[in-house]
Amino acid sequence: AGPVGEALIMTALGLAVAVPAVLGYNWLVRRNRVAMELIRHFGGGVHMSLLGRGGRTRADSES
């Protein structure tokens, strides 16, 4: 195959490894963003719930 053919084979193998790696990385980043948005939304709800009670907890209101 010669040096040029060998270089083409190595390039094809590199792309065969790199393309799935990039797709997997992008999928994980997107999944992480969705999870962070859900956590941020949940935290905002908890925060608003605590603000609505003036920062009192259930134990404070029972005593």
PDB file of N, CA and C in Angstrom:
ATOM      1  N   ALA A   1       0.827  -1.200   0.000  1.00  0.00           N
ATOM      2  CA  ALA A   1       0.000   0.000   0.000  1.00  0.00           C
ATOM      3  C   ALA A   1       0.862   1.251   0.000  1.00  0.00           C
ATOM      4  N   GLY A   2       2.062   1.139   0.488  1.00  0.00           N
ATOM      5  CA  GLY A   2       2.958   2.281   0.469  1.00  0.00           C
ATOM      6  C   GLY A   2       2.636   3.273   1.569  1.00  0.00           C
ATOM      7  N   PRO A   3       3.483   4.280   1.699  1.00  0.00           N
ATOM      8  CA  PRO A   3       3.306   5.254   2.784  1.00  0.00           C
ATOM      9  C   PRO A   3       2.015   6.064   2.676  1.00  0.00           C
ATOM     10  N   VAL A   4       1.612   6.420   1.472  1.00  0.00           N
ATOM     11  CA  VAL A   4       0.389   7.211   1.313  1.00  0.00           C
ATOM     12  C   VAL A   4      -0.829   6.371   1.673  1.00  0.00           C
ATOM     13  N   GLY A   5      -0.857   5.138   1.233  1.00  0.00           N
ATOM     14  CA  GLY A   5      -1.970   4.251   1.562  1.00  0.00           C
ATOM     15  C   GLY A   5      -2.046   3.976   3.052  1.00  0.00           C
ATOM     16  N   GLU A   6      -0.874   3.810   3.675  1.00  0.00           N
ATOM     17  CA  GLU A   6      -0.845   3.591   5.122  1.00  0.00           C
ATOM     18  C   GLU A   6      -1.372   4.814   5.863  1.00  0.00           C
ATOM     19  N   ALA A   7      -1.008   5.992   5.403  1.00  0.00           N
ATOM     20  CA  ALA A   7      -1.503   7.220   6.027  1.00  0.00           C
ATOM     21  C   ALA A   7      -3.015   7.333   5.876  1.00  0.00           C
ATOM     22  N   LEU A   8      -3.537   6.953   4.715  1.00  0.00           N
ATOM     23  CA  LEU A   8      -4.990   7.001   4.502  1.00  0.00           C
ATOM     24  C   LEU A   8      -5.711   6.003   5.409  1.00  0.00           C
ATOM     25  N   ILE A   9      -5.133   4.832   5.585  1.00  0.00           N
ATOM     26  CA  ILE A   9      -5.740   3.835   6.469  1.00  0.00           C
ATOM     27  C   ILE A   9      -5.752   4.338   7.908  1.00  0.00           C
ATOM     28  N   MET A  10      -4.643   4.905   8.355  1.00  0.00           N
ATOM     29  CA  MET A  10      -4.568   5.431   9.721  1.00  0.00           C
ATOM     30  C   MET A  10      -5.539   6.600   9.917  1.00  0.00           C
ATOM     31  N   THR A  11      -5.695   7.433   8.894  1.00  0.00           N
ATOM     32  CA  THR A  11      -6.651   8.542   8.971  1.00  0.00           C
ATOM     33  C   THR A  11      -8.075   8.004   9.102  1.00  0.00           C
ATOM     34  N   ALA A  12      -8.403   6.984   8.330  1.00  0.00           N
ATOM     35  CA  ALA A  12      -9.741   6.385   8.403  1.00  0.00           C
ATOM     36  C   ALA A  12      -9.980   5.769   9.778  1.00  0.00           C
ATOM     37  N   LEU A  13      -8.976   5.090  10.321  1.00  0.00           N
ATOM     38  CA  LEU A  13      -9.128   4.510  11.656  1.00  0.00           C
ATOM     39  C   LEU A  13      -9.276   5.603  12.716  1.00  0.00           C
ATOM     40  N   GLY A  14      -8.526   6.679  12.571  1.00  0.00           N
ATOM     41  CA  GLY A  14      -8.648   7.796  13.510  1.00  0.00           C
ATOM     42  C   GLY A  14     -10.035   8.408  13.480  1.00  0.00           C
ATOM     43  N   LEU A  15     -10.575   8.582  12.285  1.00  0.00           N
ATOM     44  CA  LEU A  15     -11.931   9.119  12.162  1.00  0.00           C
ATOM     45  C   LEU A  15     -12.965   8.140  12.715  1.00  0.00           C
ATOM     46  N   ALA A  16     -12.730   6.849  12.523  1.00  0.00           N
ATOM     47  CA  ALA A  16     -13.656   5.840  13.043  1.00  0.00           C
ATOM     48  C   ALA A  16     -13.707   5.873  14.567  1.00  0.00           C
ATOM     49  N   VAL A  17     -12.634   6.286  15.199  1.00  0.00           N
ATOM     50  CA  VAL A  17     -12.611   6.406  16.656  1.00  0.00           C
ATOM     51  C   VAL A  17     -13.128   7.776  17.089  1.00  0.00           C
ATOM     52  N   ALA A  18     -12.739   8.827  16.376  1.00  0.00           N
ATOM     53  CA  ALA A  18     -13.045  10.197  16.799  1.00  0.00           C
ATOM     54  C   ALA A  18     -14.524  10.543  16.655  1.00  0.00           C
ATOM     55  N   VAL A  19     -15.160  10.133  15.587  1.00  0.00           N
ATOM     56  CA  VAL A  19     -16.559  10.517  15.348  1.00  0.00           C
ATOM     57  C   VAL A  19     -17.486   9.965  16.437  1.00  0.00           C
ATOM     58  N   PRO A  20     -17.435   8.679  16.780  1.00  0.00           N
ATOM     59  CA  PRO A  20     -18.284   8.210  17.885  1.00  0.00           C
ATOM     60  C   PRO A  20     -17.939   8.869  19.218  1.00  0.00           C
ATOM     61  N   ALA A  21     -16.658   9.163  19.431  1.00  0.00           N
ATOM     62  CA  ALA A  21     -16.269   9.820  20.683  1.00  0.00           C
ATOM     63  C   ALA A  21     -16.892  11.206  20.786  1.00  0.00           C
ATOM     64  N   VAL A  22     -16.887  11.959  19.705  1.00  0.00           N
ATOM     65  CA  VAL A  22     -17.483  13.299  19.707  1.00  0.00           C
ATOM     66  C   VAL A  22     -18.994  13.208  19.879  1.00  0.00           C
ATOM     67  N   LEU A  23     -19.623  12.262  19.215  1.00  0.00           N
ATOM     68  CA  LEU A  23     -21.074  12.096  19.367  1.00  0.00           C
ATOM     69  C   LEU A  23     -21.431  11.722  20.802  1.00  0.00           C
ATOM     70  N   GLY A  24     -20.670  10.818  21.400  1.00  0.00           N
ATOM     71  CA  GLY A  24     -20.911  10.451  22.793  1.00  0.00           C
ATOM     72  C   GLY A  24     -20.693  11.612  23.737  1.00  0.00           C
ATOM     73  N   TYR A  25     -19.648  12.390  23.501  1.00  0.00           N
ATOM     74  CA  TYR A  25     -19.372  13.560  24.336  1.00  0.00           C
ATOM     75  C   TYR A  25     -20.519  14.562  24.254  1.00  0.00           C
ATOM     76  N   ASN A  26     -20.981  14.851  23.046  1.00  0.00           N
ATOM     77  CA  ASN A  26     -22.082  15.807  22.882  1.00  0.00           C
ATOM     78  C   ASN A  26     -23.357  15.297  23.542  1.00  0.00           C
ATOM     79  N   TRP A  27     -23.619  13.999  23.476  1.00  0.00           N
ATOM     80  CA  TRP A  27     -24.796  13.427  24.128  1.00  0.00           C
ATOM     81  C   TRP A  27     -24.708  13.596  25.641  1.00  0.00           C
ATOM     82  N   LEU A  28     -23.522  13.334  26.205  1.00  0.00           N
ATOM     83  CA  LEU A  28     -23.347  13.488  27.651  1.00  0.00           C
ATOM     84  C   LEU A  28     -23.470  14.946  28.087  1.00  0.00           C
ATOM     85  N   VAL A  29     -22.934  15.867  27.306  1.00  0.00           N
ATOM     86  CA  VAL A  29     -23.042  17.290  27.641  1.00  0.00           C
ATOM     87  C   VAL A  29     -24.505  17.721  27.617  1.00  0.00           C
ATOM     88  N   ARG A  30     -25.239  17.307  26.597  1.00  0.00           N
ATOM     89  CA  ARG A  30     -26.661  17.661  26.496  1.00  0.00           C
ATOM     90  C   ARG A  30     -27.446  17.068  27.670  1.00  0.00           C
ATOM     91  N   ARG A  31     -27.161  15.817  28.018  1.00  0.00           N
ATOM     92  CA  ARG A  31     -27.832  15.163  29.146  1.00  0.00           C
ATOM     93  C   ARG A  31     -27.524  15.881  30.456  1.00  0.00           C
ATOM     94  N   ASN A  32     -26.289  16.321  30.612  1.00  0.00           N
ATOM     95  CA  ASN A  32     -25.896  17.048  31.814  1.00  0.00           C
ATOM     96  C   ASN A  32     -26.624  18.391  31.900  1.00  0.00           C
ATOM     97  N   ARG A  33     -26.762  19.078  30.777  1.00  0.00           N
ATOM     98  CA  ARG A  33     -27.479  20.366  30.779  1.00  0.00           C
ATOM     99  C   ARG A  33     -28.940  20.181  31.174  1.00  0.00           C
ATOM    100  N   VAL A  34     -29.565  19.137  30.662  1.00  0.00           N
ATOM    101  CA  VAL A  34     -30.966  18.867  31.006  1.00  0.00           C
ATOM    102  C   VAL A  34     -31.089  18.560  32.496  1.00  0.00           C
ATOM    103  N   ALA A  35     -30.179  17.739  33.017  1.00  0.00           N
ATOM    104  CA  ALA A  35     -30.214  17.403  34.445  1.00  0.00           C
ATOM    105  C   ALA A  35     -29.996  18.642  35.298  1.00  0.00           C
ATOM    106  N   MET A  36     -29.067  19.503  34.906  1.00  0.00           N
ATOM    107  CA  MET A  36     -28.803  20.721  35.676  1.00  0.00           C
ATOM    108  C   MET A  36     -30.013  21.652  35.650  1.00  0.00           C
ATOM    109  N   GLU A  37     -30.714  21.719  34.536  1.00  0.00           N
ATOM    110  CA  GLU A  37     -31.904  22.562  34.455  1.00  0.00           C
ATOM    111  C   GLU A  37     -32.999  22.023  35.376  1.00  0.00           C
ATOM    112  N   LEU A  38     -33.164  20.704  35.425  1.00  0.00           N
ATOM    113  CA  LEU A  38     -34.149  20.112  36.333  1.00  0.00           C
ATOM    114  C   LEU A  38     -33.789  20.394  37.790  1.00  0.00           C
ATOM    115  N   ILE A  39     -32.518  20.269  38.121  1.00  0.00           N
ATOM    116  CA  ILE A  39     -32.073  20.535  39.493  1.00  0.00           C
ATOM    117  C   ILE A  39     -32.258  22.009  39.830  1.00  0.00           C
ATOM    118  N   ARG A  40     -31.930  22.882  38.890  1.00  0.00           N
ATOM    119  CA  ARG A  40     -32.085  24.323  39.119  1.00  0.00           C
ATOM    120  C   ARG A  40     -33.558  24.672  39.332  1.00  0.00           C
ATOM    121  N   HIS A  41     -34.438  24.069  38.546  1.00  0.00           N
ATOM    122  CA  HIS A  41     -35.876  24.315  38.681  1.00  0.00           C
ATOM    123  C   HIS A  41     -36.375  23.809  40.037  1.00  0.00           C
ATOM    124  N   PHE A  42     -35.933  22.620  40.437  1.00  0.00           N
ATOM    125  CA  PHE A  42     -36.328  22.062  41.730  1.00  0.00           C
ATOM    126  C   PHE A  42     -35.828  22.950  42.868  1.00  0.00           C
ATOM    127  N   GLY A  43     -34.582  23.388  42.784  1.00  0.00           N
ATOM    128  CA  GLY A  43     -34.021  24.264  43.816  1.00  0.00           C
ATOM    129  C   GLY A  43     -34.766  25.582  43.911  1.00  0.00           C
ATOM    130  N   GLY A  44     -35.177  26.120  42.764  1.00  0.00           N
ATOM    131  CA  GLY A  44     -35.956  27.352  42.775  1.00  0.00           C
ATOM    132  C   GLY A  44     -37.299  27.154  43.451  1.00  0.00           C
ATOM    133  N   GLY A  45     -37.922  25.994  43.210  1.00  0.00           N
ATOM    134  CA  GLY A  45     -39.191  25.698  43.869  1.00  0.00           C
ATOM    135  C   GLY A  45     -39.041  25.570  45.372  1.00  0.00           C
ATOM    136  N   VAL A  46     -37.981  24.912  45.807  1.00  0.00           N
ATOM    137  CA  VAL A  46     -37.722  24.787  47.245  1.00  0.00           C
ATOM    138  C   VAL A  46     -37.468  26.163  47.839  1.00  0.00           C
ATOM    139  N   HIS A  47     -36.703  26.966  47.149  1.00  0.00           N
ATOM    140  CA  HIS A  47     -36.392  28.318  47.624  1.00  0.00           C
ATOM    141  C   HIS A  47     -37.662  29.153  47.765  1.00  0.00           C
ATOM    142  N   MET A  48     -38.517  29.108  46.740  1.00  0.00           N
ATOM    143  CA  MET A  48     -39.759  29.876  46.800  1.00  0.00           C
ATOM    144  C   MET A  48     -40.675  29.343  47.904  1.00  0.00           C
ATOM    145  N   SER A  49     -40.676  28.045  48.111  1.00  0.00           N
ATOM    146  CA  SER A  49     -41.479  27.463  49.183  1.00  0.00           C
ATOM    147  C   SER A  49     -41.010  27.970  50.541  1.00  0.00           C
ATOM    148  N   LEU A  50     -39.715  28.020  50.739  1.00  0.00           N
ATOM    149  CA  LEU A  50     -39.184  28.523  52.008  1.00  0.00           C
ATOM    150  C   LEU A  50     -39.452  30.015  52.169  1.00  0.00           C
ATOM    151  N   LEU A  51     -39.357  30.766  51.080  1.00  0.00           N
ATOM    152  CA  LEU A  51     -39.645  32.199  51.157  1.00  0.00           C
ATOM    153  C   LEU A  51     -41.116  32.440  51.464  1.00  0.00           C
ATOM    154  N   GLY A  52     -41.983  31.585  50.945  1.00  0.00           N
ATOM    155  CA  GLY A  52     -43.417  31.729  51.181  1.00  0.00           C
ATOM    156  C   GLY A  52     -43.782  31.538  52.638  1.00  0.00           C
ATOM    157  N   ARG A  53     -42.999  30.760  53.365  1.00  0.00           N
ATOM    158  CA  ARG A  53     -43.258  30.549  54.786  1.00  0.00           C
ATOM    159  C   ARG A  53     -42.418  31.482  55.642  1.00  0.00           C
ATOM    160  N   GLY A  54     -41.768  32.419  55.040  1.00  0.00           N
ATOM    161  CA  GLY A  54     -40.936  33.344  55.798  1.00  0.00           C
ATOM    162  C   GLY A  54     -39.685  32.687  56.343  1.00  0.00           C
ATOM    163  N   GLY A  55     -39.252  31.589  55.721  1.00  0.00           N
ATOM    164  CA  GLY A  55     -38.054  30.905  56.170  1.00  0.00           C
ATOM    165  C   GLY A  55     -38.294  29.965  57.327  1.00  0.00           C
ATOM    166  N   ARG A  56     -39.554  29.827  57.783  1.00  0.00           N
ATOM    167  CA  ARG A  56     -39.850  28.933  58.908  1.00  0.00           C
ATOM    168  C   ARG A  56     -39.887  27.490  58.411  1.00  0.00           C
ATOM    169  N   THR A  57     -39.482  26.594  59.252  1.00  0.00           N
ATOM    170  CA  THR A  57     -39.567  25.176  58.935  1.00  0.00           C
ATOM    171  C   THR A  57     -40.801  24.589  59.592  1.00  0.00           C
ATOM    172  N   ARG A  58     -41.109  23.361  59.279  1.00  0.00           N
ATOM    173  CA  ARG A  58     -42.271  22.696  59.863  1.00  0.00           C
ATOM    174  C   ARG A  58     -42.100  22.590  61.380  1.00  0.00           C
ATOM    175  N   ALA A  59     -40.902  22.322  61.853  1.00  0.00           N
ATOM    176  CA  ALA A  59     -40.648  22.216  63.291  1.00  0.00           C
ATOM    177  C   ALA A  59     -40.917  23.548  63.991  1.00  0.00           C
ATOM    178  N   ASP A  60     -40.594  24.673  63.338  1.00  0.00           N
ATOM    179  CA  ASP A  60     -40.849  25.987  63.931  1.00  0.00           C
ATOM    180  C   ASP A  60     -42.347  26.241  64.067  1.00  0.00           C
ATOM    181  N   SER A  61     -43.128  25.820  63.080  1.00  0.00           N
ATOM    182  CA  SER A  61     -44.562  26.106  63.111  1.00  0.00           C
ATOM    183  C   SER A  61     -45.303  25.195  64.085  1.00  0.00           C
ATOM    184  N   GLU A  62     -44.740  24.035  64.442  1.00  0.00           N
ATOM    185  CA  GLU A  62     -45.406  23.124  65.373  1.00  0.00           C
ATOM    186  C   GLU A  62     -45.206  23.535  66.820  1.00  0.00           C
ATOM    187  N   SER A  63     -44.162  24.284  67.119  1.00  0.00           N
ATOM    188  CA  SER A  63     -43.903  24.636  68.521  1.00  0.00           C
ATOM    189  C   SER A  63     -44.574  25.926  68.927  1.00  0.00           C
TER     190      SER A  63
END
